[in-house]
Amino acid sequence: MKRRVVVTGMGAITPIGNNVEHFWNGLKEKKVGIGPITQFDTTDYKAKLAAEVKDFDAKDYMDPKAAKRMERFVQFAVAAAKEALTMSGLDMEKEDPYRVGVSVGSGIGSLQALEREHKKLLERGPGRVNPLLVPLMISNMAAGNVGIQFGLKGKCINVVTACATGTNCIGEAYRSIQYGEADVMVAGGAEASITPLGVAGFTALTALSTAEDPLRASIPFDKDRNGFVMGEGAGVVILEELEHALKRGATIYGEVAGYGTTCDAYHITSPAEDGSGAARAMIEAIKDAGITPEELDYVNAHGTSTHHNDLFETLAIKAALGDHAKNVKINSTKSMVGHLLGGAGGVEFIVCVKSIEEGFVHATAGLEEEGEGCDLNYTKGEGVACDVNYAISNSLGFGGHNASILVKKYQA
């Protein structure tokens, strides 16, 4: 018997709010968190906009000494995990710490540490490189530090699948609880790659939007879309075995019902042109949940605002849902917070849970006229109040990684 898994806590650090309430309210208000990059001089850069986290001070979430030994992406993860754990009411003094695990990923790790120490290496020699460079830089330190900060001694993993990282981390946490490896998992993703090298690299790949108007930069499914906008932040949730949650009287915000993940085996950056890999991930998640495609109410699309992604994801939704594709409500959270890369799946999972909880699907901000081939209901204009019983979140990553996680309204 597979065990049931529920959501008992959520935490978010995003470009439109540094907690779940502010983030969700921002989405409902169509607040766009995109603006000129402030973290470095963009004079020589074609892409000059990003969705930066504002007014974040790590000392508000953790011991200042501990914060100094964490790079920005790790600080985001720890801050989001703290909010999620507080919301869950989990008391670690009453828990077996070896039954509480972590599955928090980052697609890239710290480019800041890499750039900073490489400069020292070139200018001052190898003897001046920070002894902590490696533990500061590597992507598993989000998971490691969450475990250290909160005394979580169970399974601790960092799935790295580029922009599918957050969704795969939550999916693998779900499986870990389903099959008895843990009773509670702290799961999600974090990223902070708005750096000279990060922006230059994605620009050279012609992946980033070069728009100068923040309101016309991240415009998923729009005919004028020309690339994604780099975002940063973290989304972390508490997944818990149902009986464990009920026994301690936890508030249950939703239930994880299905998970599917595939590989396009096609190209290192482009999704499969027929959307078949992403479609299969959705189909597997729907099958895992034991529902029919017609029961799905809402799709939180990967929706990056690149030409290929939005077109091929539309084909994937059609392939997975058949005739129901034209009825399901679809949106892209990235229209307001940009693309959080490894953190995207974490915050977008939270959106699915909040959509179920409040019966609301937020608008795809900035979408004015659908592009060729983008002919589904992307929630253009204003958000929609409606019952959401089943929601699915899609994430697609470089390397051909596809991940879909399905959440449903909790019923005893």
Protein backbone atom coordinates (compact mmCIF):
# COMPACT_ATOMS: atom_id res chain seq x y z
CA MET A 1 0.00 0.00 0.00
CA LYS A 2 1.34 3.37 -1.02
CA ARG A 3 0.97 5.90 1.80
CA ARG A 4 -0.95 9.14 1.27
CA VAL A 5 1.11 12.35 1.27
CA VAL A 6 -0.23 15.77 2.23
CA VAL A 7 1.07 19.35 2.28
CA THR A 8 1.26 20.86 5.77
CA GLY A 9 3.52 23.89 5.26
CA MET A 10 4.81 26.26 2.58
CA GLY A 11 7.53 28.91 2.39
CA ALA A 12 8.49 31.32 -0.40
CA ILE A 13 11.12 33.93 -1.20
CA THR A 14 10.20 35.55 -4.52
CA PRO A 15 10.60 38.72 -6.59
CA ILE A 16 7.07 39.81 -5.56
CA GLY A 17 7.08 38.83 -1.89
CA ASN A 18 9.26 37.22 0.75
CA ASN A 19 6.59 34.98 2.22
CA VAL A 20 3.72 32.90 0.86
CA GLU A 21 1.03 35.46 1.70
CA HIS A 22 2.78 38.37 -0.05
CA PHE A 23 3.74 36.17 -3.00
CA TRP A 24 0.20 34.86 -3.50
CA ASN A 25 -1.41 38.28 -3.05
CA GLY A 26 1.05 39.68 -5.59
CA LEU A 27 0.01 37.05 -8.13
CA LYS A 28 -3.67 37.82 -7.58
CA GLU A 29 -2.94 41.53 -8.12
CA LYS A 30 -0.86 40.83 -11.29
CA LYS A 31 2.20 42.39 -9.64
CA VAL A 32 5.21 42.08 -11.95
CA GLY A 33 8.51 41.72 -10.07
CA ILE A 34 10.74 42.47 -13.07
CA GLY A 35 13.00 45.52 -13.34
CA PRO A 36 16.51 46.70 -14.25
CA ILE A 37 19.27 44.49 -12.87
CA THR A 38 20.82 46.08 -9.77
CA GLN A 39 23.32 43.36 -8.79
CA PHE A 40 25.92 44.34 -11.40
CA ASP A 41 26.54 46.86 -14.19
CA THR A 42 24.68 45.80 -17.34
CA THR A 43 26.12 48.48 -19.66
CA ASP A 44 27.65 45.91 -22.00
CA TYR A 45 24.78 43.41 -21.75
CA LYS A 46 21.92 42.90 -24.19
CA ALA A 47 19.63 41.62 -21.41
CA LYS A 48 19.18 44.32 -18.79
CA LEU A 49 16.13 43.12 -16.88
CA ALA A 50 15.67 40.46 -14.22
CA ALA A 51 13.24 39.54 -11.47
CA GLU A 52 15.30 40.16 -8.34
CA VAL A 53 14.32 39.39 -4.75
CA LYS A 54 13.88 42.68 -2.90
CA ASP A 55 14.49 43.67 0.73
CA PHE A 56 15.90 40.30 1.74
CA ASP A 57 18.13 40.24 4.82
CA ALA A 58 19.36 36.79 5.81
CA LYS A 59 19.73 37.92 9.44
CA ASP A 60 15.93 38.06 9.65
CA TYR A 61 15.79 34.29 9.16
CA MET A 62 18.93 32.82 10.68
CA ASP A 63 21.96 33.44 12.85
CA PRO A 64 24.21 36.08 11.20
CA LYS A 65 27.31 33.89 11.62
CA ALA A 66 25.57 30.97 9.93
CA ALA A 67 24.35 33.26 7.14
CA LYS A 68 27.93 34.32 6.35
CA ARG A 69 28.73 30.71 5.50
CA MET A 70 25.85 30.47 3.05
CA GLU A 71 25.63 31.84 -0.46
CA ARG A 72 22.51 33.69 -1.62
CA PHE A 73 20.69 30.63 -3.02
CA VAL A 74 21.23 28.76 0.25
CA GLN A 75 20.00 31.70 2.32
CA PHE A 76 16.83 31.74 0.22
CA ALA A 77 16.32 27.99 0.78
CA VAL A 78 16.82 28.21 4.54
CA ALA A 79 14.49 31.22 4.80
CA ALA A 80 11.76 29.49 2.81
CA ALA A 81 12.20 26.27 4.80
CA LYS A 82 11.86 28.21 8.06
CA GLU A 83 8.53 29.69 6.95
CA ALA A 84 7.31 26.28 5.80
CA LEU A 85 8.29 24.54 9.03
CA THR A 86 6.72 27.30 11.13
CA MET A 87 3.49 27.05 9.13
CA SER A 88 3.47 23.26 9.57
CA GLY A 89 3.74 23.47 13.36
CA LEU A 90 6.20 20.56 13.29
CA ASP A 91 7.99 20.24 16.64
CA MET A 92 11.32 18.55 16.03
CA GLU A 93 11.72 17.83 19.75
CA LYS A 94 8.79 15.43 19.42
CA GLU A 95 9.96 13.87 16.14
CA ASP A 96 12.46 11.16 15.31
CA PRO A 97 14.91 13.33 13.34
CA TYR A 98 15.89 10.35 11.19
CA ARG A 99 12.30 10.20 9.85
CA VAL A 100 12.35 13.84 8.71
CA GLY A 101 14.27 14.38 5.47
CA VAL A 102 15.21 17.06 2.96
CA SER A 103 14.87 17.19 -0.83
CA VAL A 104 15.83 20.72 -1.81
CA GLY A 105 17.66 21.40 -5.07
CA SER A 106 19.40 24.12 -7.01
CA GLY A 107 20.04 23.92 -10.71
CA ILE A 108 23.30 25.87 -10.65
CA GLY A 109 24.56 26.53 -7.13
CA SER A 110 26.55 29.69 -6.48
CA LEU A 111 27.91 31.49 -9.52
CA GLN A 112 28.67 34.38 -7.14
CA ALA A 113 31.23 32.30 -5.24
CA LEU A 114 32.70 30.97 -8.48
CA GLU A 115 33.10 34.43 -10.04
CA ARG A 116 34.44 36.01 -6.85
CA GLU A 117 37.07 33.37 -6.18
CA HIS A 118 38.09 33.01 -9.84
CA LYS A 119 38.89 36.73 -9.83
CA LYS A 120 41.05 36.25 -6.73
CA LEU A 121 42.80 33.30 -8.38
CA LEU A 122 43.73 35.36 -11.45
CA GLU A 123 44.69 38.53 -9.58
CA ARG A 124 46.27 37.20 -6.37
CA GLY A 125 47.10 33.56 -6.96
CA PRO A 126 45.78 30.18 -5.75
CA GLY A 127 46.83 30.78 -2.15
CA ARG A 128 44.20 33.49 -1.75
CA VAL A 129 41.19 31.43 -2.80
CA ASN A 130 38.66 31.04 0.03
CA PRO A 131 39.06 27.63 1.75
CA LEU A 132 35.26 27.42 1.81
CA LEU A 133 34.85 27.97 -1.93
CA VAL A 134 33.72 24.43 -2.68
CA PRO A 135 31.17 24.07 0.17
CA LEU A 136 29.86 27.55 -0.62
CA MET A 137 29.49 26.88 -4.34
CA ILE A 138 28.09 23.37 -4.75
CA SER A 139 24.36 23.01 -5.33
CA ASN A 140 23.66 20.41 -2.63
CA MET A 141 24.42 22.97 0.09
CA ALA A 142 20.81 24.20 0.01
CA ALA A 143 19.67 20.76 1.18
CA GLY A 144 22.65 20.34 3.50
CA ASN A 145 22.15 23.66 5.27
CA VAL A 146 18.40 23.16 5.63
CA GLY A 147 19.19 19.87 7.37
CA ILE A 148 21.83 21.48 9.60
CA GLN A 149 19.72 24.51 10.54
CA PHE A 150 16.68 22.51 11.59
CA GLY A 151 18.20 19.24 12.81
CA LEU A 152 16.74 17.06 10.04
CA LYS A 153 18.68 13.79 9.96
CA GLY A 154 16.69 11.69 7.51
CA LYS A 155 17.18 11.23 3.78
CA CYS A 156 18.82 14.39 2.41
CA ILE A 157 19.02 14.75 -1.38
CA ASN A 158 19.54 17.36 -4.07
CA VAL A 159 18.06 16.44 -7.43
CA VAL A 160 19.67 18.59 -10.16
CA THR A 161 17.66 18.64 -13.39
CA ALA A 162 18.16 22.27 -14.48
CA CYS A 163 14.77 24.02 -14.61
CA ALA A 164 12.92 20.86 -13.56
CA THR A 165 14.91 20.69 -10.30
CA GLY A 166 12.25 22.00 -7.91
CA THR A 167 9.53 19.75 -9.29
CA ASN A 168 11.75 16.67 -9.32
CA CYS A 169 12.81 17.39 -5.73
CA ILE A 170 9.18 17.56 -4.59
CA GLY A 171 8.31 14.48 -6.63
CA GLU A 172 11.14 12.43 -5.16
CA ALA A 173 10.20 13.62 -1.65
CA TYR A 174 6.63 12.45 -2.35
CA ARG A 175 7.91 9.03 -3.39
CA SER A 176 10.17 8.84 -0.32
CA ILE A 177 7.15 9.26 1.98
CA GLN A 178 4.85 7.05 -0.13
CA TYR A 179 7.21 4.11 0.21
CA GLY A 180 8.12 4.58 3.87
CA GLU A 181 11.62 6.09 3.68
CA ALA A 182 10.47 9.14 5.64
CA ASP A 183 7.41 10.48 7.45
CA VAL A 184 8.12 14.13 6.65
CA MET A 185 10.14 15.74 3.85
CA VAL A 186 11.16 19.38 3.47
CA ALA A 187 11.13 19.76 -0.31
CA GLY A 188 11.56 22.36 -3.06
CA GLY A 189 14.14 24.40 -4.92
CA ALA A 190 16.22 27.57 -4.72
CA GLU A 191 18.26 29.65 -7.14
CA ALA A 192 20.21 32.91 -7.29
CA SER A 193 22.05 33.21 -10.60
CA ILE A 194 21.55 36.85 -11.56
CA THR A 195 25.29 37.37 -11.98
CA PRO A 196 27.51 38.62 -14.81
CA LEU A 197 28.41 35.08 -15.89
CA GLY A 198 24.88 33.74 -15.52
CA VAL A 199 23.27 36.51 -17.55
CA ALA A 200 26.07 36.48 -20.15
CA GLY A 201 25.78 32.72 -20.56
CA PHE A 202 22.02 32.63 -21.05
CA THR A 203 22.23 35.67 -23.33
CA ALA A 204 24.86 33.98 -25.52
CA LEU A 205 22.45 31.08 -25.80
CA THR A 206 19.81 33.59 -27.03
CA ALA A 207 17.53 32.35 -24.23
CA LEU A 208 16.96 35.66 -22.41
CA SER A 209 14.51 38.39 -23.34
CA THR A 210 16.16 41.62 -24.52
CA ALA A 211 12.97 43.64 -23.94
CA GLU A 212 13.42 46.95 -22.13
CA ASP A 213 9.87 47.27 -20.82
CA PRO A 214 9.43 45.15 -17.64
CA LEU A 215 5.76 44.61 -18.48
CA ARG A 216 6.58 43.24 -21.96
CA ALA A 217 9.59 41.11 -21.04
CA SER A 218 8.21 37.86 -19.57
CA ILE A 219 5.08 37.33 -21.69
CA PRO A 220 4.46 33.59 -21.99
CA PHE A 221 2.40 32.43 -24.99
CA ASP A 222 2.32 35.99 -26.44
CA LYS A 223 3.14 36.55 -30.12
CA ASP A 224 5.90 39.02 -29.12
CA ARG A 225 7.69 36.74 -26.64
CA ASN A 226 11.44 36.60 -27.25
CA GLY A 227 13.03 34.86 -24.30
CA PHE A 228 12.76 34.31 -20.57
CA VAL A 229 13.60 36.72 -17.76
CA MET A 230 16.00 35.48 -15.09
CA GLY A 231 14.41 35.30 -11.66
CA GLU A 232 15.66 34.22 -8.24
CA GLY A 233 14.23 32.94 -4.99
CA ALA A 234 13.03 29.73 -3.36
CA GLY A 235 9.89 27.67 -2.83
CA VAL A 236 9.91 25.03 -0.09
CA VAL A 237 7.05 22.87 1.18
CA ILE A 238 6.47 20.37 3.97
CA LEU A 239 5.22 17.02 2.71
CA GLU A 240 3.94 14.63 5.34
CA GLU A 241 2.47 11.16 5.57
CA LEU A 242 -1.27 11.59 6.14
CA GLU A 243 -1.60 9.63 9.41
CA HIS A 244 1.46 11.37 10.83
CA ALA A 245 -0.10 14.76 10.03
CA LEU A 246 -3.51 13.82 11.46
CA LYS A 247 -1.99 12.41 14.63
CA ARG A 248 -0.36 15.72 15.50
CA GLY A 249 -3.38 17.80 14.43
CA ALA A 250 -1.66 19.52 11.50
CA THR A 251 -3.53 21.78 9.09
CA ILE A 252 -3.64 20.12 5.67
CA TYR A 253 -3.48 22.44 2.65
CA GLY A 254 -3.62 19.86 -0.12
CA GLU A 255 -2.65 16.33 -1.09
CA VAL A 256 0.05 15.26 -3.53
CA ALA A 257 -1.60 12.70 -5.76
CA GLY A 258 0.65 12.06 -8.75
CA TYR A 259 4.14 12.46 -10.16
CA GLY A 260 5.56 11.78 -13.60
CA THR A 261 9.02 12.41 -15.00
CA THR A 262 10.60 11.62 -18.38
CA CYS A 263 13.46 12.53 -20.68
CA ASP A 264 13.04 13.85 -24.23
CA ALA A 265 16.35 12.24 -25.28
CA TYR A 266 16.30 14.82 -28.06
CA HIS A 267 18.42 17.96 -27.56
CA ILE A 268 20.41 19.65 -24.79
CA THR A 269 18.34 22.87 -24.80
CA SER A 270 15.26 22.47 -27.02
CA PRO A 271 12.24 20.47 -25.90
CA ALA A 272 11.05 17.72 -28.24
CA GLU A 273 9.19 19.53 -31.01
CA ASP A 274 6.05 17.42 -30.72
CA GLY A 275 5.90 17.86 -26.93
CA SER A 276 5.88 14.08 -26.49
CA GLY A 277 8.24 13.91 -23.50
CA ALA A 278 6.42 16.59 -21.51
CA ALA A 279 3.08 15.03 -22.47
CA ARG A 280 4.19 11.64 -21.16
CA ALA A 281 5.26 13.18 -17.82
CA MET A 282 1.76 14.69 -17.47
CA ILE A 283 0.12 11.41 -18.48
CA GLU A 284 2.18 9.49 -15.89
CA ALA A 285 1.25 11.98 -13.14
CA ILE A 286 -2.45 11.73 -14.04
CA LYS A 287 -2.23 7.92 -14.12
CA ASP A 288 -0.38 7.91 -10.76
CA ALA A 289 -3.21 10.02 -9.28
CA GLY A 290 -5.82 7.56 -10.53
CA ILE A 291 -7.87 10.22 -12.32
CA THR A 292 -8.86 10.92 -15.92
CA PRO A 293 -7.55 13.90 -17.92
CA GLU A 294 -11.10 15.35 -17.87
CA GLU A 295 -10.92 15.72 -14.07
CA LEU A 296 -7.96 18.11 -14.27
CA ASP A 297 -9.01 21.72 -13.59
CA TYR A 298 -5.76 23.66 -13.88
CA VAL A 299 -2.27 23.46 -15.38
CA ASN A 300 0.51 25.67 -14.03
CA ALA A 301 2.60 25.66 -17.20
CA HIS A 302 6.37 25.82 -17.38
CA GLY A 303 5.56 28.78 -19.65
CA THR A 304 8.97 30.41 -19.94
CA SER A 305 8.18 33.00 -22.66
CA THR A 306 10.62 31.45 -25.12
CA HIS A 307 9.30 30.64 -28.57
CA HIS A 308 10.06 26.92 -28.46
CA ASN A 309 8.96 26.19 -24.89
CA ASP A 310 5.54 27.80 -25.11
CA LEU A 311 4.70 26.28 -28.47
CA PHE A 312 5.93 22.78 -27.66
CA GLU A 313 4.36 22.81 -24.17
CA THR A 314 1.04 23.73 -25.77
CA LEU A 315 1.40 20.65 -28.00
CA ALA A 316 2.27 18.58 -24.92
CA ILE A 317 -0.87 19.69 -23.06
CA LYS A 318 -2.98 18.82 -26.12
CA ALA A 319 -1.33 15.41 -26.41
CA ALA A 320 -1.79 14.65 -22.71
CA LEU A 321 -5.33 15.94 -22.25
CA GLY A 322 -6.89 15.41 -25.67
CA ASP A 323 -10.13 17.33 -26.20
CA HIS A 324 -10.07 18.49 -22.56
CA ALA A 325 -7.01 20.67 -23.32
CA LYS A 326 -9.27 23.44 -24.61
CA ASN A 327 -11.31 23.41 -21.37
CA VAL A 328 -8.56 23.31 -18.75
CA LYS A 329 -7.33 26.58 -17.24
CA ILE A 330 -3.63 27.26 -17.86
CA ASN A 331 -1.33 30.02 -16.66
CA SER A 332 2.33 30.90 -16.22
CA THR A 333 3.57 32.22 -12.87
CA LYS A 334 6.79 33.22 -14.65
CA SER A 335 4.88 36.11 -16.24
CA MET A 336 5.29 37.90 -12.88
CA VAL A 337 8.33 36.41 -11.14
CA GLY A 338 10.48 35.48 -14.13
CA HIS A 339 12.17 32.10 -14.34
CA LEU A 340 13.59 30.91 -11.02
CA LEU A 341 15.39 28.04 -12.80
CA GLY A 342 15.90 25.37 -10.11
CA GLY A 343 13.56 27.26 -7.79
CA ALA A 344 10.69 27.53 -10.29
CA GLY A 345 9.06 24.19 -9.50
CA GLY A 346 9.00 24.99 -5.79
CA VAL A 347 7.12 28.27 -6.07
CA GLU A 348 4.84 26.96 -8.82
CA PHE A 349 3.86 23.97 -6.67
CA ILE A 350 2.87 26.45 -3.96
CA VAL A 351 0.73 28.27 -6.55
CA CYS A 352 -1.12 25.02 -7.29
CA VAL A 353 -1.81 24.46 -3.58
CA LYS A 354 -3.01 28.06 -3.09
CA SER A 355 -5.18 27.85 -6.22
CA ILE A 356 -6.92 24.78 -4.76
CA GLU A 357 -7.20 26.34 -1.31
CA GLU A 358 -8.67 29.65 -2.49
CA GLY A 359 -10.44 28.60 -5.70
CA PHE A 360 -8.57 31.05 -7.88
CA VAL A 361 -6.39 30.80 -11.00
CA HIS A 362 -4.15 33.83 -11.46
CA ALA A 363 -3.76 35.61 -14.80
CA THR A 364 -0.82 35.21 -17.15
CA ALA A 365 0.32 38.81 -16.82
CA GLY A 366 1.47 40.58 -19.99
CA LEU A 367 -0.29 38.19 -22.36
CA GLU A 368 -2.04 40.37 -24.94
CA GLU A 369 -2.25 38.33 -28.13
CA GLU A 370 -1.48 34.62 -28.35
CA GLY A 371 1.35 33.54 -30.62
CA GLU A 372 0.94 31.20 -33.56
CA GLY A 373 0.06 27.71 -32.36
CA CYS A 374 -0.67 28.93 -28.82
CA ASP A 375 -4.43 28.45 -28.90
CA LEU A 376 -5.47 27.29 -25.42
CA ASN A 377 -6.94 29.12 -22.41
CA TYR A 378 -3.91 30.77 -20.79
CA THR A 379 -5.98 32.95 -18.40
CA LYS A 380 -5.43 36.13 -20.41
CA GLY A 381 -6.53 39.41 -18.86
CA GLU A 382 -7.73 38.78 -15.33
CA GLY A 383 -7.54 35.87 -12.93
CA VAL A 384 -10.55 33.58 -12.56
CA ALA A 385 -12.43 32.47 -9.43
CA CYS A 386 -13.33 28.80 -9.88
CA ASP A 387 -13.28 25.46 -8.09
CA VAL A 388 -9.90 23.78 -8.42
CA ASN A 389 -9.95 20.16 -7.30
CA TYR A 390 -6.99 18.86 -9.32
CA ALA A 391 -3.99 20.91 -10.46
CA ILE A 392 -0.80 19.92 -12.22
CA SER A 393 2.51 21.79 -12.34
CA ASN A 394 4.89 21.26 -15.27
CA SER A 395 8.65 21.86 -15.33
CA LEU A 396 11.00 21.28 -18.28
CA GLY A 397 14.79 21.50 -18.04
CA PHE A 398 17.84 21.68 -20.29
CA GLY A 399 18.98 18.15 -21.02
CA GLY A 400 15.43 17.10 -21.87
CA HIS A 401 14.17 16.71 -18.31
CA ASN A 402 10.38 16.78 -17.91
CA ALA A 403 8.58 16.68 -14.56
CA SER A 404 4.91 17.00 -13.63
CA ILE A 405 3.44 16.96 -10.12
CA LEU A 406 -0.29 16.67 -9.47
CA VAL A 407 -1.97 18.14 -6.40
CA LYS A 408 -5.57 17.62 -5.32
CA LYS A 409 -7.96 19.09 -2.78
CA TYR A 410 -7.63 17.11 0.45
CA GLN A 411 -10.58 14.97 1.46
CA ALA A 412 -10.50 12.79 4.56
